[in-house]
């Protein structure tokens, strides 16, 4: 069975159903889950039980991980190990991110 999803454009991702403070499911396969949010929570997020990768899809802002603040923009990748304190801050109105959870619950 072919489990390859069709490509999802930024415009299509922005139309996925989501709720403020939550992300929208884009694709799940095995222990990998890809999600999208056009407006992440500003500031610290609740630490997650799995490792995660963020890819900035649009806009700019700052990513804080373990007390270090770094400017981020389109195409930038950020990593957060399971249980790490992290979050995005002071981002532009058009800010959007892809979120990739993977691996086992830790």
PDB file of N, CA and C in Angstrom:
ATOM      1  N   UNK A   1       0.839  -1.176   0.000  1.00  0.00           N
ATOM      2  CA  UNK A   1       0.000   0.000   0.000  1.00  0.00           C
ATOM      3  C   UNK A   1       0.886   1.241   0.000  1.00  0.00           C
ATOM      4  N   UNK A   2       0.616   2.180  -0.894  1.00  0.00           N
ATOM      5  CA  UNK A   2       1.386   3.415  -0.980  1.00  0.00           C
ATOM      6  C   UNK A   2       0.921   4.372   0.111  1.00  0.00           C
ATOM      7  N   UNK A   3       1.833   4.738   1.019  1.00  0.00           N
ATOM      8  CA  UNK A   3       1.484   5.632   2.122  1.00  0.00           C
ATOM      9  C   UNK A   3       2.079   7.012   1.920  1.00  0.00           C
ATOM     10  N   UNK A   4       2.546   7.278   0.711  1.00  0.00           N
ATOM     11  CA  UNK A   4       3.153   8.564   0.430  1.00  0.00           C
ATOM     12  C   UNK A   4       2.065   9.621   0.283  1.00  0.00           C
ATOM     13  N   UNK A   5       2.100  10.662   1.117  1.00  0.00           N
ATOM     14  CA  UNK A   5       1.069  11.697   0.995  1.00  0.00           C
ATOM     15  C   UNK A   5       1.351  12.602  -0.195  1.00  0.00           C
ATOM     16  N   UNK A   6       0.309  13.202  -0.714  1.00  0.00           N
ATOM     17  CA  UNK A   6       0.494  14.212  -1.755  1.00  0.00           C
ATOM     18  C   UNK A   6       1.214  15.404  -1.127  1.00  0.00           C
ATOM     19  N   UNK A   7       2.007  16.133  -1.912  1.00  0.00           N
ATOM     20  CA  UNK A   7       2.656  17.324  -1.361  1.00  0.00           C
ATOM     21  C   UNK A   7       1.612  18.293  -0.796  1.00  0.00           C
ATOM     22  N   UNK A   8       1.962  18.954   0.289  1.00  0.00           N
ATOM     23  CA  UNK A   8       1.071  19.927   0.913  1.00  0.00           C
ATOM     24  C   UNK A   8       1.735  21.297   0.817  1.00  0.00           C
ATOM     25  N   UNK A   9       1.106  22.203   0.094  1.00  0.00           N
ATOM     26  CA  UNK A   9       1.639  23.558  -0.037  1.00  0.00           C
ATOM     27  C   UNK A   9       1.399  24.334   1.254  1.00  0.00           C
ATOM     28  N   UNK A  10       2.096  25.447   1.400  1.00  0.00           N
ATOM     29  CA  UNK A  10       1.885  26.298   2.567  1.00  0.00           C
ATOM     30  C   UNK A  10       0.437  26.783   2.601  1.00  0.00           C
ATOM     31  N   UNK A  11      -0.101  27.157   1.439  1.00  0.00           N
ATOM     32  CA  UNK A  11      -1.497  27.617   1.382  1.00  0.00           C
ATOM     33  C   UNK A  11      -2.453  26.513   1.827  1.00  0.00           C
ATOM     34  N   UNK A  12      -2.216  25.280   1.373  1.00  0.00           N
ATOM     35  CA  UNK A  12      -3.076  24.159   1.774  1.00  0.00           C
ATOM     36  C   UNK A  12      -2.922  23.870   3.265  1.00  0.00           C
ATOM     37  N   UNK A  13      -1.694  23.954   3.769  1.00  0.00           N
ATOM     38  CA  UNK A  13      -1.467  23.704   5.196  1.00  0.00           C
ATOM     39  C   UNK A  13      -2.199  24.737   6.049  1.00  0.00           C
ATOM     40  N   UNK A  14      -2.219  25.976   5.594  1.00  0.00           N
ATOM     41  CA  UNK A  14      -2.919  27.026   6.346  1.00  0.00           C
ATOM     42  C   UNK A  14      -4.422  26.767   6.427  1.00  0.00           C
ATOM     43  N   UNK A  15      -4.956  25.941   5.515  1.00  0.00           N
ATOM     44  CA  UNK A  15      -6.394  25.648   5.527  1.00  0.00           C
ATOM     45  C   UNK A  15      -6.736  24.387   6.330  1.00  0.00           C
ATOM     46  N   UNK A  16      -5.722  23.682   6.862  1.00  0.00           N
ATOM     47  CA  UNK A  16      -5.997  22.510   7.696  1.00  0.00           C
ATOM     48  C   UNK A  16      -6.745  22.942   8.958  1.00  0.00           C
ATOM     49  N   UNK A  17      -7.653  22.105   9.456  1.00  0.00           N
ATOM     50  CA  UNK A  17      -8.397  22.486  10.662  1.00  0.00           C
ATOM     51  C   UNK A  17      -7.488  22.507  11.896  1.00  0.00           C
ATOM     52  N   UNK A  18      -7.506  23.590  12.619  1.00  0.00           N
ATOM     53  CA  UNK A  18      -6.705  23.711  13.832  1.00  0.00           C
ATOM     54  C   UNK A  18      -7.438  24.613  14.819  1.00  0.00           C
ATOM     55  N   UNK A  19      -7.030  24.552  16.059  1.00  0.00           N
ATOM     56  CA  UNK A  19      -7.574  25.402  17.112  1.00  0.00           C
ATOM     57  C   UNK A  19      -6.424  26.200  17.702  1.00  0.00           C
ATOM     58  N   UNK A  20      -6.659  27.457  18.096  1.00  0.00           N
ATOM     59  CA  UNK A  20      -5.589  28.246  18.712  1.00  0.00           C
ATOM     60  C   UNK A  20      -4.917  27.469  19.848  1.00  0.00           C
ATOM     61  N   UNK A  21      -3.595  27.503  19.844  1.00  0.00           N
ATOM     62  CA  UNK A  21      -2.830  26.782  20.855  1.00  0.00           C
ATOM     63  C   UNK A  21      -2.609  25.321  20.526  1.00  0.00           C
ATOM     64  N   UNK A  22      -3.157  24.863  19.416  1.00  0.00           N
ATOM     65  CA  UNK A  22      -3.011  23.465  18.982  1.00  0.00           C
ATOM     66  C   UNK A  22      -2.521  23.471  17.535  1.00  0.00           C
ATOM     67  N   UNK A  23      -1.997  22.347  17.085  1.00  0.00           N
ATOM     68  CA  UNK A  23      -1.556  22.221  15.698  1.00  0.00           C
ATOM     69  C   UNK A  23      -2.498  21.291  14.946  1.00  0.00           C
ATOM     70  N   UNK A  24      -2.425  21.348  13.621  1.00  0.00           N
ATOM     71  CA  UNK A  24      -3.272  20.510  12.772  1.00  0.00           C
ATOM     72  C   UNK A  24      -2.475  19.315  12.266  1.00  0.00           C
ATOM     73  N   UNK A  25      -3.099  18.158  12.257  1.00  0.00           N
ATOM     74  CA  UNK A  25      -2.453  16.945  11.753  1.00  0.00           C
ATOM     75  C   UNK A  25      -2.336  17.019  10.234  1.00  0.00           C
ATOM     76  N   UNK A  26      -1.118  16.783   9.713  1.00  0.00           N
ATOM     77  CA  UNK A  26      -0.899  16.754   8.269  1.00  0.00           C
ATOM     78  C   UNK A  26      -0.626  15.337   7.775  1.00  0.00           C
ATOM     79  N   UNK A  27       0.106  14.531   8.575  1.00  0.00           N
ATOM     80  CA  UNK A  27       0.473  13.182   8.139  1.00  0.00           C
ATOM     81  C   UNK A  27       0.992  12.391   9.332  1.00  0.00           C
ATOM     82  N   UNK A  28       0.596  11.121   9.424  1.00  0.00           N
ATOM     83  CA  UNK A  28       1.105  10.220  10.458  1.00  0.00           C
ATOM     84  C   UNK A  28       1.491   8.909   9.799  1.00  0.00           C
ATOM     85  N   UNK A  29       2.672   8.401  10.154  1.00  0.00           N
ATOM     86  CA  UNK A  29       3.120   7.095   9.675  1.00  0.00           C
ATOM     87  C   UNK A  29       4.029   6.495  10.739  1.00  0.00           C
ATOM     88  N   UNK A  30       3.626   5.368  11.293  1.00  0.00           N
ATOM     89  CA  UNK A  30       4.429   4.737  12.338  1.00  0.00           C
ATOM     90  C   UNK A  30       4.614   5.677  13.509  1.00  0.00           C
ATOM     91  N   UNK A  31       5.887   5.900  13.905  1.00  0.00           N
ATOM     92  CA  UNK A  31       6.137   6.776  15.051  1.00  0.00           C
ATOM     93  C   UNK A  31       6.450   8.215  14.639  1.00  0.00           C
ATOM     94  N   UNK A  32       6.166   8.565  13.376  1.00  0.00           N
ATOM     95  CA  UNK A  32       6.377   9.936  12.908  1.00  0.00           C
ATOM     96  C   UNK A  32       5.027  10.622  12.720  1.00  0.00           C
ATOM     97  N   UNK A  33       4.932  11.830  13.234  1.00  0.00           N
ATOM     98  CA  UNK A  33       3.709  12.618  13.108  1.00  0.00           C
ATOM     99  C   UNK A  33       4.098  14.014  12.635  1.00  0.00           C
ATOM    100  N   UNK A  34       3.531  14.454  11.514  1.00  0.00           N
ATOM    101  CA  UNK A  34       3.810  15.784  10.981  1.00  0.00           C
ATOM    102  C   UNK A  34       2.574  16.644  11.204  1.00  0.00           C
ATOM    103  N   UNK A  35       2.806  17.806  11.806  1.00  0.00           N
ATOM    104  CA  UNK A  35       1.711  18.712  12.128  1.00  0.00           C
ATOM    105  C   UNK A  35       2.069  20.114  11.625  1.00  0.00           C
ATOM    106  N   UNK A  36       1.098  20.999  11.592  1.00  0.00           N
ATOM    107  CA  UNK A  36       1.305  22.365  11.114  1.00  0.00           C
ATOM    108  C   UNK A  36       0.538  23.309  12.019  1.00  0.00           C
ATOM    109  N   UNK A  37       1.122  24.458  12.288  1.00  0.00           N
ATOM    110  CA  UNK A  37       0.375  25.497  12.986  1.00  0.00           C
ATOM    111  C   UNK A  37       0.729  26.866  12.423  1.00  0.00           C
ATOM    112  N   UNK A  38      -0.308  27.637  12.080  1.00  0.00           N
ATOM    113  CA  UNK A  38      -0.057  28.986  11.596  1.00  0.00           C
ATOM    114  C   UNK A  38       0.177  29.980  12.732  1.00  0.00           C
ATOM    115  N   UNK A  39      -0.124  29.613  13.954  1.00  0.00           N
ATOM    116  CA  UNK A  39       0.079  30.506  15.093  1.00  0.00           C
ATOM    117  C   UNK A  39       0.437  29.699  16.328  1.00  0.00           C
ATOM    118  N   UNK A  40       1.715  29.404  16.530  1.00  0.00           N
ATOM    119  CA  UNK A  40       2.082  28.664  17.744  1.00  0.00           C
ATOM    120  C   UNK A  40       1.841  29.524  18.982  1.00  0.00           C
ATOM    121  N   UNK A  41       1.868  28.898  20.117  1.00  0.00           N
ATOM    122  CA  UNK A  41       1.767  29.616  21.382  1.00  0.00           C
ATOM    123  C   UNK A  41       2.986  30.518  21.526  1.00  0.00           C
ATOM    124  N   UNK A  42       2.769  31.767  21.925  1.00  0.00           N
ATOM    125  CA  UNK A  42       3.879  32.699  22.123  1.00  0.00           C
ATOM    126  C   UNK A  42       4.460  32.455  23.512  1.00  0.00           C
ATOM    127  N   UNK A  43       5.711  32.029  23.555  1.00  0.00           N
ATOM    128  CA  UNK A  43       6.371  31.765  24.826  1.00  0.00           C
ATOM    129  C   UNK A  43       6.530  30.281  25.079  1.00  0.00           C
ATOM    130  N   UNK A  44       6.815  29.924  26.314  1.00  0.00           N
ATOM    131  CA  UNK A  44       7.103  28.521  26.624  1.00  0.00           C
ATOM    132  C   UNK A  44       5.933  27.596  26.278  1.00  0.00           C
ATOM    133  N   UNK A  45       6.280  26.456  25.722  1.00  0.00           N
ATOM    134  CA  UNK A  45       5.298  25.416  25.450  1.00  0.00           C
ATOM    135  C   UNK A  45       5.400  24.356  26.530  1.00  0.00           C
ATOM    136  N   UNK A  46       4.344  23.592  26.660  1.00  0.00           N
ATOM    137  CA  UNK A  46       4.390  22.436  27.555  1.00  0.00           C
ATOM    138  C   UNK A  46       5.398  21.454  26.960  1.00  0.00           C
ATOM    139  N   UNK A  47       6.403  21.012  27.713  1.00  0.00           N
ATOM    140  CA  UNK A  47       7.352  20.031  27.168  1.00  0.00           C
ATOM    141  C   UNK A  47       6.623  18.771  26.694  1.00  0.00           C
ATOM    142  N   UNK A  48       7.109  18.225  25.600  1.00  0.00           N
ATOM    143  CA  UNK A  48       6.488  17.054  24.987  1.00  0.00           C
ATOM    144  C   UNK A  48       7.221  15.778  25.384  1.00  0.00           C
ATOM    145  N   UNK A  49       6.578  14.636  25.199  1.00  0.00           N
ATOM    146  CA  UNK A  49       7.150  13.345  25.576  1.00  0.00           C
ATOM    147  C   UNK A  49       7.951  12.695  24.455  1.00  0.00           C
ATOM    148  N   UNK A  50       8.000  13.338  23.292  1.00  0.00           N
ATOM    149  CA  UNK A  50       8.761  12.796  22.162  1.00  0.00           C
ATOM    150  C   UNK A  50       9.677  13.882  21.615  1.00  0.00           C
ATOM    151  N   UNK A  51      10.754  13.478  20.936  1.00  0.00           N
ATOM    152  CA  UNK A  51      11.616  14.437  20.262  1.00  0.00           C
ATOM    153  C   UNK A  51      10.806  15.105  19.158  1.00  0.00           C
ATOM    154  N   UNK A  52      11.175  16.354  18.842  1.00  0.00           N
ATOM    155  CA  UNK A  52      10.464  17.041  17.772  1.00  0.00           C
ATOM    156  C   UNK A  52      11.390  17.975  17.014  1.00  0.00           C
ATOM    157  N   UNK A  53      11.066  18.128  15.743  1.00  0.00           N
ATOM    158  CA  UNK A  53      11.766  19.035  14.847  1.00  0.00           C
ATOM    159  C   UNK A  53      10.745  20.067  14.384  1.00  0.00           C
ATOM    160  N   UNK A  54      11.144  21.326  14.373  1.00  0.00           N
ATOM    161  CA  UNK A  54      10.313  22.396  13.830  1.00  0.00           C
ATOM    162  C   UNK A  54      10.988  22.915  12.573  1.00  0.00           C
ATOM    163  N   UNK A  55      10.198  23.221  11.562  1.00  0.00           N
ATOM    164  CA  UNK A  55      10.704  23.888  10.368  1.00  0.00           C
ATOM    165  C   UNK A  55       9.844  25.128  10.166  1.00  0.00           C
ATOM    166  N   UNK A  56      10.494  26.284  10.142  1.00  0.00           N
ATOM    167  CA  UNK A  56       9.761  27.532   9.957  1.00  0.00           C
ATOM    168  C   UNK A  56       9.314  27.608   8.499  1.00  0.00           C
ATOM    169  N   UNK A  57       7.999  27.729   8.300  1.00  0.00           N
ATOM    170  CA  UNK A  57       7.429  27.776   6.954  1.00  0.00           C
ATOM    171  C   UNK A  57       7.274  29.209   6.455  1.00  0.00           C
ATOM    172  N   UNK A  58       7.011  30.139   7.360  1.00  0.00           N
ATOM    173  CA  UNK A  58       6.797  31.536   6.968  1.00  0.00           C
ATOM    174  C   UNK A  58       7.028  32.432   8.177  1.00  0.00           C
ATOM    175  N   UNK A  59       7.315  33.691   7.893  1.00  0.00           N
ATOM    176  CA  UNK A  59       7.482  34.674   8.952  1.00  0.00           C
ATOM    177  C   UNK A  59       8.816  34.558   9.665  1.00  0.00           C
ATOM    178  N   UNK A  60       8.934  35.291  10.753  1.00  0.00           N
ATOM    179  CA  UNK A  60      10.166  35.264  11.539  1.00  0.00           C
ATOM    180  C   UNK A  60       9.822  35.461  13.011  1.00  0.00           C
ATOM    181  N   UNK A  61      10.768  35.120  13.847  1.00  0.00           N
ATOM    182  CA  UNK A  61      10.587  35.246  15.287  1.00  0.00           C
ATOM    183  C   UNK A  61      11.820  34.744  15.995  1.00  0.00           C
ATOM    184  N   UNK A  62      11.638  34.291  17.217  1.00  0.00           N
ATOM    185  CA  UNK A  62      12.744  33.782  18.020  1.00  0.00           C
ATOM    186  C   UNK A  62      12.362  32.433  18.609  1.00  0.00           C
ATOM    187  N   UNK A  63      13.341  31.543  18.685  1.00  0.00           N
ATOM    188  CA  UNK A  63      13.150  30.218  19.265  1.00  0.00           C
ATOM    189  C   UNK A  63      13.996  30.132  20.523  1.00  0.00           C
ATOM    190  N   UNK A  64      13.360  29.775  21.632  1.00  0.00           N
ATOM    191  CA  UNK A  64      14.073  29.625  22.900  1.00  0.00           C
ATOM    192  C   UNK A  64      14.126  28.150  23.264  1.00  0.00           C
ATOM    193  N   UNK A  65      15.336  27.658  23.548  1.00  0.00           N
ATOM    194  CA  UNK A  65      15.528  26.273  23.998  1.00  0.00           C
ATOM    195  C   UNK A  65      16.583  26.291  25.091  1.00  0.00           C
ATOM    196  N   UNK A  66      16.266  25.727  26.222  1.00  0.00           N
ATOM    197  CA  UNK A  66      17.201  25.658  27.350  1.00  0.00           C
ATOM    198  C   UNK A  66      17.832  27.010  27.661  1.00  0.00           C
ATOM    199  N   UNK A  67      17.033  28.083  27.590  1.00  0.00           N
ATOM    200  CA  UNK A  67      17.507  29.413  27.948  1.00  0.00           C
ATOM    201  C   UNK A  67      18.213  30.175  26.846  1.00  0.00           C
ATOM    202  N   UNK A  68      18.462  29.560  25.689  1.00  0.00           N
ATOM    203  CA  UNK A  68      19.129  30.233  24.579  1.00  0.00           C
ATOM    204  C   UNK A  68      18.091  30.707  23.575  1.00  0.00           C
ATOM    205  N   UNK A  69      18.157  31.983  23.184  1.00  0.00           N
ATOM    206  CA  UNK A  69      17.215  32.583  22.248  1.00  0.00           C
ATOM    207  C   UNK A  69      17.906  32.796  20.907  1.00  0.00           C
ATOM    208  N   UNK A  70      17.298  32.300  19.817  1.00  0.00           N
ATOM    209  CA  UNK A  70      17.884  32.385  18.481  1.00  0.00           C
ATOM    210  C   UNK A  70      16.850  32.919  17.500  1.00  0.00           C
ATOM    211  N   UNK A  71      17.241  33.869  16.647  1.00  0.00           N
ATOM    212  CA  UNK A  71      16.351  34.370  15.597  1.00  0.00           C
ATOM    213  C   UNK A  71      16.133  33.270  14.562  1.00  0.00           C
ATOM    214  N   UNK A  72      14.884  33.123  14.090  1.00  0.00           N
ATOM    215  CA  UNK A  72      14.556  32.111  13.085  1.00  0.00           C
ATOM    216  C   UNK A  72      13.686  32.722  11.997  1.00  0.00           C
ATOM    217  N   UNK A  73      13.775  32.116  10.792  1.00  0.00           N
ATOM    218  CA  UNK A  73      12.979  32.557   9.655  1.00  0.00           C
ATOM    219  C   UNK A  73      12.715  31.395   8.724  1.00  0.00           C
ATOM    220  N   UNK A  74      12.077  31.655   7.586  1.00  0.00           N
ATOM    221  CA  UNK A  74      11.683  30.586   6.665  1.00  0.00           C
ATOM    222  C   UNK A  74      12.835  29.646   6.309  1.00  0.00           C
ATOM    223  N   UNK A  75      12.553  28.349   6.429  1.00  0.00           N
ATOM    224  CA  UNK A  75      13.537  27.319   6.113  1.00  0.00           C
ATOM    225  C   UNK A  75      14.392  26.894   7.290  1.00  0.00           C
ATOM    226  N   UNK A  76      14.375  27.656   8.376  1.00  0.00           N
ATOM    227  CA  UNK A  76      15.181  27.286   9.542  1.00  0.00           C
ATOM    228  C   UNK A  76      14.580  26.075  10.247  1.00  0.00           C
ATOM    229  N   UNK A  77      15.455  25.232  10.780  1.00  0.00           N
ATOM    230  CA  UNK A  77      15.055  24.017  11.490  1.00  0.00           C
ATOM    231  C   UNK A  77      15.476  24.153  12.943  1.00  0.00           C
ATOM    232  N   UNK A  78      14.584  23.770  13.847  1.00  0.00           N
ATOM    233  CA  UNK A  78      14.856  23.793  15.280  1.00  0.00           C
ATOM    234  C   UNK A  78      14.561  22.408  15.839  1.00  0.00           C
ATOM    235  N   UNK A  79      15.339  21.986  16.820  1.00  0.00           N
ATOM    236  CA  UNK A  79      15.149  20.676  17.443  1.00  0.00           C
ATOM    237  C   UNK A  79      14.855  20.856  18.921  1.00  0.00           C
ATOM    238  N   UNK A  80      13.939  20.052  19.434  1.00  0.00           N
ATOM    239  CA  UNK A  80      13.663  20.013  20.874  1.00  0.00           C
ATOM    240  C   UNK A  80      13.613  18.555  21.301  1.00  0.00           C
ATOM    241  N   UNK A  81      14.531  18.167  22.161  1.00  0.00           N
ATOM    242  CA  UNK A  81      14.502  16.812  22.708  1.00  0.00           C
ATOM    243  C   UNK A  81      13.276  16.669  23.603  1.00  0.00           C
ATOM    244  N   UNK A  82      12.816  15.453  23.757  1.00  0.00           N
ATOM    245  CA  UNK A  82      11.687  15.190  24.645  1.00  0.00           C
ATOM    246  C   UNK A  82      11.949  15.826  26.008  1.00  0.00           C
ATOM    247  N   UNK A  83      10.945  16.470  26.556  1.00  0.00           N
ATOM    248  CA  UNK A  83      10.950  17.090  27.880  1.00  0.00           C
ATOM    249  C   UNK A  83      11.740  18.397  27.965  1.00  0.00           C
ATOM    250  N   UNK A  84      12.311  18.878  26.856  1.00  0.00           N
ATOM    251  CA  UNK A  84      13.073  20.134  26.887  1.00  0.00           C
ATOM    252  C   UNK A  84      12.125  21.329  26.976  1.00  0.00           C
ATOM    253  N   UNK A  85      12.511  22.325  27.756  1.00  0.00           N
ATOM    254  CA  UNK A  85      11.762  23.579  27.825  1.00  0.00           C
ATOM    255  C   UNK A  85      12.080  24.355  26.551  1.00  0.00           C
ATOM    256  N   UNK A  86      11.049  24.738  25.804  1.00  0.00           N
ATOM    257  CA  UNK A  86      11.271  25.412  24.530  1.00  0.00           C
ATOM    258  C   UNK A  86      10.034  26.201  24.135  1.00  0.00           C
ATOM    259  N   UNK A  87      10.183  27.068  23.125  1.00  0.00           N
ATOM    260  CA  UNK A  87       9.037  27.808  22.614  1.00  0.00           C
ATOM    261  C   UNK A  87       9.463  28.889  21.642  1.00  0.00           C
ATOM    262  N   UNK A  88       8.483  29.433  20.939  1.00  0.00           N
ATOM    263  CA  UNK A  88       8.703  30.528  19.995  1.00  0.00           C
ATOM    264  C   UNK A  88       8.201  31.819  20.622  1.00  0.00           C
ATOM    265  N   UNK A  89       8.916  32.918  20.341  1.00  0.00           N
ATOM    266  CA  UNK A  89       8.581  34.204  20.945  1.00  0.00           C
ATOM    267  C   UNK A  89       8.652  35.316  19.912  1.00  0.00           C
ATOM    268  N   UNK A  90       7.882  36.367  20.168  1.00  0.00           N
ATOM    269  CA  UNK A  90       7.955  37.610  19.383  1.00  0.00           C
ATOM    270  C   UNK A  90       7.979  37.349  17.880  1.00  0.00           C
ATOM    271  N   UNK A  91       7.045  36.549  17.394  1.00  0.00           N
ATOM    272  CA  UNK A  91       7.022  36.225  15.969  1.00  0.00           C
ATOM    273  C   UNK A  91       6.061  37.136  15.214  1.00  0.00           C
ATOM    274  N   UNK A  92       6.266  37.212  13.901  1.00  0.00           N
ATOM    275  CA  UNK A  92       5.440  38.045  13.036  1.00  0.00           C
ATOM    276  C   UNK A  92       4.055  37.423  12.850  1.00  0.00           C
ATOM    277  N   UNK A  93       3.115  38.245  12.391  1.00  0.00           N
ATOM    278  CA  UNK A  93       1.735  37.777  12.210  1.00  0.00           C
ATOM    279  C   UNK A  93       1.612  36.642  11.204  1.00  0.00           C
ATOM    280  N   UNK A  94       2.546  36.564  10.252  1.00  0.00           N
ATOM    281  CA  UNK A  94       2.476  35.509   9.228  1.00  0.00           C
ATOM    282  C   UNK A  94       3.285  34.264   9.607  1.00  0.00           C
ATOM    283  N   UNK A  95       3.784  34.214  10.842  1.00  0.00           N
ATOM    284  CA  UNK A  95       4.623  33.096  11.287  1.00  0.00           C
ATOM    285  C   UNK A  95       3.850  31.783  11.232  1.00  0.00           C
ATOM    286  N   UNK A  96       4.494  30.740  10.717  1.00  0.00           N
ATOM    287  CA  UNK A  96       3.891  29.405  10.634  1.00  0.00           C
ATOM    288  C   UNK A  96       5.007  28.372  10.700  1.00  0.00           C
ATOM    289  N   UNK A  97       4.716  27.221  11.313  1.00  0.00           N
ATOM    290  CA  UNK A  97       5.735  26.179  11.457  1.00  0.00           C
ATOM    291  C   UNK A  97       5.176  24.798  11.151  1.00  0.00           C
ATOM    292  N   UNK A  98       6.059  23.952  10.615  1.00  0.00           N
ATOM    293  CA  UNK A  98       5.828  22.514  10.518  1.00  0.00           C
ATOM    294  C   UNK A  98       6.420  21.898  11.773  1.00  0.00           C
ATOM    295  N   UNK A  99       5.750  20.909  12.322  1.00  0.00           N
ATOM    296  CA  UNK A  99       6.203  20.220  13.531  1.00  0.00           C
ATOM    297  C   UNK A  99       6.296  18.738  13.210  1.00  0.00           C
ATOM    298  N   UNK A 100       7.437  18.137  13.484  1.00  0.00           N
ATOM    299  CA  UNK A 100       7.629  16.709  13.227  1.00  0.00           C
ATOM    300  C   UNK A 100       7.967  16.032  14.551  1.00  0.00           C
ATOM    301  N   UNK A 101       7.029  15.259  15.064  1.00  0.00           N
ATOM    302  CA  UNK A 101       7.272  14.424  16.244  1.00  0.00           C
ATOM    303  C   UNK A 101       7.744  13.069  15.740  1.00  0.00           C
ATOM    304  N   UNK A 102       8.719  12.491  16.420  1.00  0.00           N
ATOM    305  CA  UNK A 102       9.193  11.176  15.984  1.00  0.00           C
ATOM    306  C   UNK A 102       9.776  10.417  17.165  1.00  0.00           C
ATOM    307  N   UNK A 103       9.935   9.125  16.949  1.00  0.00           N
ATOM    308  CA  UNK A 103      10.547   8.274  17.963  1.00  0.00           C
ATOM    309  C   UNK A 103       9.571   7.901  19.063  1.00  0.00           C
ATOM    310  N   UNK A 104      10.068   7.098  20.004  1.00  0.00           N
ATOM    311  CA  UNK A 104       9.209   6.613  21.084  1.00  0.00           C
ATOM    312  C   UNK A 104       8.944   7.689  22.133  1.00  0.00           C
ATOM    313  N   UNK A 105       7.889   7.481  22.894  1.00  0.00           N
ATOM    314  CA  UNK A 105       7.619   8.322  24.057  1.00  0.00           C
ATOM    315  C   UNK A 105       8.752   8.086  25.050  1.00  0.00           C
ATOM    316  N   UNK A 106       9.277   9.164  25.623  1.00  0.00           N
ATOM    317  CA  UNK A 106      10.417   9.062  26.548  1.00  0.00           C
ATOM    318  C   UNK A 106      10.025   9.528  27.930  1.00  0.00           C
TER     319      UNK A 106
END
